[in-house]
N, C-alpha and C. Protein backbone atom coordinates (compact mmCIF):
# COMPACT_ATOMS: atom_id res chain seq x y z
N UNK A 1 100.64 100.68 102.83
CA UNK A 1 99.88 101.39 103.83
C UNK A 1 98.96 100.42 104.57
N UNK A 2 98.38 99.49 103.81
CA UNK A 2 97.51 98.50 104.45
C UNK A 2 98.29 97.66 105.45
N UNK A 3 99.53 97.30 105.09
CA UNK A 3 100.37 96.50 105.99
C UNK A 3 100.73 97.27 107.25
N UNK A 4 100.72 98.59 107.19
CA UNK A 4 101.02 99.42 108.36
C UNK A 4 99.77 99.71 109.18
N UNK A 5 98.61 99.16 108.77
CA UNK A 5 97.39 99.30 109.55
C UNK A 5 96.56 100.53 109.20
N UNK A 6 96.88 101.19 108.10
CA UNK A 6 96.09 102.35 107.69
C UNK A 6 94.83 101.82 107.00
N UNK A 7 93.67 102.28 107.45
CA UNK A 7 92.40 101.77 106.91
C UNK A 7 92.16 102.29 105.50
N UNK A 8 91.31 101.57 104.76
CA UNK A 8 90.95 101.99 103.41
C UNK A 8 90.29 103.37 103.42
N UNK A 9 89.48 103.62 104.44
CA UNK A 9 88.81 104.91 104.56
C UNK A 9 89.84 106.03 104.74
N UNK A 10 90.83 105.79 105.59
CA UNK A 10 91.89 106.79 105.82
C UNK A 10 92.71 107.01 104.55
N UNK A 11 92.98 105.95 103.81
CA UNK A 11 93.73 106.08 102.56
C UNK A 11 92.98 106.97 101.58
N UNK A 12 91.67 106.82 101.51
CA UNK A 12 90.85 107.57 100.54
C UNK A 12 90.44 108.95 101.02
N UNK A 13 90.05 109.08 102.28
CA UNK A 13 89.47 110.34 102.77
C UNK A 13 90.21 110.96 103.94
N UNK A 14 91.39 110.45 104.27
CA UNK A 14 92.15 110.98 105.40
C UNK A 14 92.69 112.37 105.14
N UNK A 15 93.31 112.94 106.15
CA UNK A 15 93.88 114.29 106.03
C UNK A 15 94.93 114.35 104.93
N UNK A 16 95.79 113.34 104.87
CA UNK A 16 96.78 113.26 103.80
C UNK A 16 96.11 112.70 102.56
N UNK A 17 96.51 113.17 101.39
CA UNK A 17 95.93 112.67 100.14
C UNK A 17 96.88 111.59 99.60
N UNK A 18 96.56 110.33 99.88
CA UNK A 18 97.39 109.22 99.44
C UNK A 18 97.11 108.85 97.98
N UNK A 19 95.84 108.88 97.58
CA UNK A 19 95.47 108.51 96.21
C UNK A 19 94.97 109.74 95.48
N UNK A 20 95.78 110.24 94.57
CA UNK A 20 95.40 111.40 93.77
C UNK A 20 94.92 110.91 92.41
N UNK A 21 94.01 111.63 91.82
CA UNK A 21 93.48 111.27 90.50
C UNK A 21 94.00 112.29 89.49
N UNK A 22 94.88 111.85 88.58
CA UNK A 22 95.40 112.79 87.58
C UNK A 22 94.37 113.18 86.51
N UNK A 23 93.39 112.32 86.28
CA UNK A 23 92.36 112.60 85.27
C UNK A 23 91.26 113.44 85.92
N UNK A 24 91.11 114.67 85.47
CA UNK A 24 90.16 115.61 86.09
C UNK A 24 88.73 115.07 86.07
N UNK A 25 88.39 114.23 85.08
CA UNK A 25 87.03 113.70 84.97
C UNK A 25 86.71 112.70 86.07
N UNK A 26 87.73 112.12 86.70
CA UNK A 26 87.50 111.10 87.73
C UNK A 26 87.79 111.61 89.13
N UNK A 27 88.05 112.90 89.26
CA UNK A 27 88.36 113.47 90.56
C UNK A 27 87.11 113.67 91.39
N UNK A 28 87.29 113.67 92.69
CA UNK A 28 86.22 114.02 93.61
C UNK A 28 86.08 115.53 93.58
N UNK A 29 84.87 116.04 93.50
CA UNK A 29 84.65 117.48 93.39
C UNK A 29 84.06 118.09 94.66
N UNK A 30 83.88 117.29 95.72
CA UNK A 30 83.35 117.83 96.97
C UNK A 30 84.38 118.81 97.57
N UNK A 31 83.89 119.83 98.24
CA UNK A 31 84.77 120.82 98.86
C UNK A 31 85.73 120.13 99.84
N UNK A 32 87.00 120.42 99.69
CA UNK A 32 88.03 119.83 100.54
C UNK A 32 88.54 118.49 100.03
N UNK A 33 87.93 117.95 99.00
CA UNK A 33 88.33 116.64 98.47
C UNK A 33 88.96 116.76 97.08
N UNK A 34 89.12 117.98 96.59
CA UNK A 34 89.61 118.21 95.23
C UNK A 34 90.94 117.48 95.00
N UNK A 35 91.06 116.84 93.85
CA UNK A 35 92.28 116.15 93.48
C UNK A 35 92.34 114.70 93.93
N UNK A 36 91.46 114.31 94.82
CA UNK A 36 91.47 112.94 95.31
C UNK A 36 90.78 112.00 94.31
N UNK A 37 91.12 110.74 94.42
CA UNK A 37 90.45 109.70 93.66
C UNK A 37 89.00 109.63 94.13
N UNK A 38 88.05 109.66 93.20
CA UNK A 38 86.64 109.58 93.56
C UNK A 38 86.30 108.15 93.98
N UNK A 39 85.64 108.02 95.11
CA UNK A 39 85.25 106.71 95.64
C UNK A 39 83.79 106.47 95.32
N UNK A 40 83.49 105.32 94.74
CA UNK A 40 82.12 104.97 94.39
C UNK A 40 81.25 104.82 95.62
N UNK A 41 79.96 105.02 95.43
CA UNK A 41 78.97 104.87 96.51
C UNK A 41 77.98 103.81 96.06
N UNK A 42 77.61 102.89 96.98
CA UNK A 42 76.65 101.85 96.60
C UNK A 42 75.21 102.37 96.67
N UNK A 43 74.25 101.51 96.42
CA UNK A 43 72.83 101.89 96.40
C UNK A 43 72.33 102.45 97.73
N UNK A 44 72.97 102.05 98.81
CA UNK A 44 72.55 102.50 100.15
C UNK A 44 73.29 103.76 100.60
N UNK A 45 74.13 104.32 99.72
CA UNK A 45 74.86 105.53 100.05
C UNK A 45 76.16 105.29 100.81
N UNK A 46 76.61 104.03 100.87
CA UNK A 46 77.83 103.69 101.58
C UNK A 46 79.03 103.76 100.63
N UNK A 47 80.11 104.42 101.08
CA UNK A 47 81.32 104.51 100.27
C UNK A 47 81.97 103.15 100.12
N UNK A 48 82.47 102.87 98.93
CA UNK A 48 83.11 101.59 98.63
C UNK A 48 84.63 101.76 98.65
N UNK A 49 85.19 102.04 99.83
CA UNK A 49 86.63 102.30 99.98
C UNK A 49 87.46 101.09 99.56
N UNK A 50 87.00 99.89 99.91
CA UNK A 50 87.75 98.67 99.61
C UNK A 50 87.98 98.51 98.12
N UNK A 51 86.98 98.78 97.31
CA UNK A 51 87.10 98.64 95.86
C UNK A 51 88.11 99.63 95.30
N UNK A 52 88.06 100.87 95.76
CA UNK A 52 88.98 101.91 95.27
C UNK A 52 90.43 101.56 95.60
N UNK A 53 90.67 101.16 96.84
CA UNK A 53 92.04 100.85 97.27
C UNK A 53 92.53 99.57 96.60
N UNK A 54 91.68 98.57 96.50
CA UNK A 54 92.05 97.30 95.88
C UNK A 54 92.48 97.49 94.43
N UNK A 55 91.76 98.32 93.70
CA UNK A 55 92.09 98.58 92.29
C UNK A 55 93.47 99.24 92.19
N UNK A 56 93.76 100.19 93.04
CA UNK A 56 95.05 100.86 93.03
C UNK A 56 96.17 99.91 93.44
N UNK A 57 95.91 99.07 94.46
CA UNK A 57 96.91 98.10 94.93
C UNK A 57 97.25 97.10 93.84
N UNK A 58 96.23 96.59 93.16
CA UNK A 58 96.45 95.61 92.09
C UNK A 58 97.30 96.21 90.97
N UNK A 59 96.98 97.43 90.57
CA UNK A 59 97.77 98.09 89.53
C UNK A 59 99.20 98.33 89.97
N UNK A 60 99.38 98.70 91.22
CA UNK A 60 100.73 98.92 91.75
C UNK A 60 101.54 97.64 91.78
N UNK A 61 100.92 96.54 92.17
CA UNK A 61 101.62 95.26 92.19
C UNK A 61 102.02 94.83 90.78
N UNK A 62 101.16 95.07 89.81
CA UNK A 62 101.49 94.72 88.42
C UNK A 62 102.73 95.49 87.98
N UNK A 63 102.75 96.80 88.24
CA UNK A 63 103.89 97.62 87.81
C UNK A 63 105.15 97.25 88.57
N UNK A 64 105.03 96.89 89.85
CA UNK A 64 106.18 96.45 90.63
C UNK A 64 106.78 95.17 90.02
N UNK A 65 105.92 94.23 89.64
CA UNK A 65 106.39 93.00 89.02
C UNK A 65 107.09 93.29 87.69
N UNK A 66 106.55 94.23 86.91
CA UNK A 66 107.17 94.62 85.64
C UNK A 66 108.57 95.17 85.87
N UNK A 67 108.71 96.06 86.84
CA UNK A 67 110.00 96.66 87.14
C UNK A 67 110.99 95.59 87.59
N UNK A 68 110.52 94.63 88.37
CA UNK A 68 111.40 93.54 88.82
C UNK A 68 111.88 92.69 87.65
N UNK A 69 111.12 92.67 86.57
CA UNK A 69 111.51 91.93 85.37
C UNK A 69 112.36 92.80 84.44
N UNK A 70 112.59 94.06 84.82
CA UNK A 70 113.40 94.96 83.99
C UNK A 70 112.60 95.68 82.93
N UNK A 71 111.27 95.72 83.05
CA UNK A 71 110.41 96.41 82.08
C UNK A 71 109.61 97.48 82.81
N UNK A 72 109.05 98.39 82.04
CA UNK A 72 108.17 99.38 82.64
C UNK A 72 107.24 99.93 81.57
N UNK A 73 106.00 100.22 81.97
CA UNK A 73 105.06 100.85 81.06
C UNK A 73 104.03 99.92 80.46
N UNK A 74 104.10 98.62 80.80
CA UNK A 74 103.11 97.69 80.27
C UNK A 74 101.74 97.89 80.92
N UNK A 75 100.73 97.46 80.22
CA UNK A 75 99.37 97.56 80.74
C UNK A 75 98.79 96.15 80.79
N UNK A 76 98.31 95.71 81.96
CA UNK A 76 97.76 94.35 82.05
C UNK A 76 96.51 94.22 81.23
N UNK A 77 96.37 93.10 80.54
CA UNK A 77 95.14 92.85 79.79
C UNK A 77 94.02 92.47 80.73
N UNK A 78 94.38 91.79 81.82
CA UNK A 78 93.37 91.37 82.80
C UNK A 78 94.06 91.02 84.11
N UNK A 79 93.83 91.82 85.13
CA UNK A 79 94.44 91.55 86.43
C UNK A 79 95.95 91.61 86.38
N UNK A 80 96.57 90.92 87.30
CA UNK A 80 98.03 90.89 87.35
C UNK A 80 98.52 89.69 86.54
N UNK A 81 99.42 89.96 85.63
CA UNK A 81 99.98 88.88 84.81
C UNK A 81 101.22 88.36 85.51
N UNK A 82 101.27 87.07 85.71
CA UNK A 82 102.44 86.47 86.42
C UNK A 82 103.40 85.90 85.43
């Protein structure tokens, strides 16, 4: 999505729900945002969209590399393992 020019804000808070949170404890509970990945807010009240999207992208790349190696289901100990 980033390569297609979709902004981090649009990925997190756009009309389409691109990032869903399966864990109910980590979901956004604001009206109209139910089911979405909760985005952290800094001390100044600014949403940290980049951090939320980056974390999801990194995890996706790790799993993509695993599948390319013929494996699936591994969990990285730290970042992406090459």
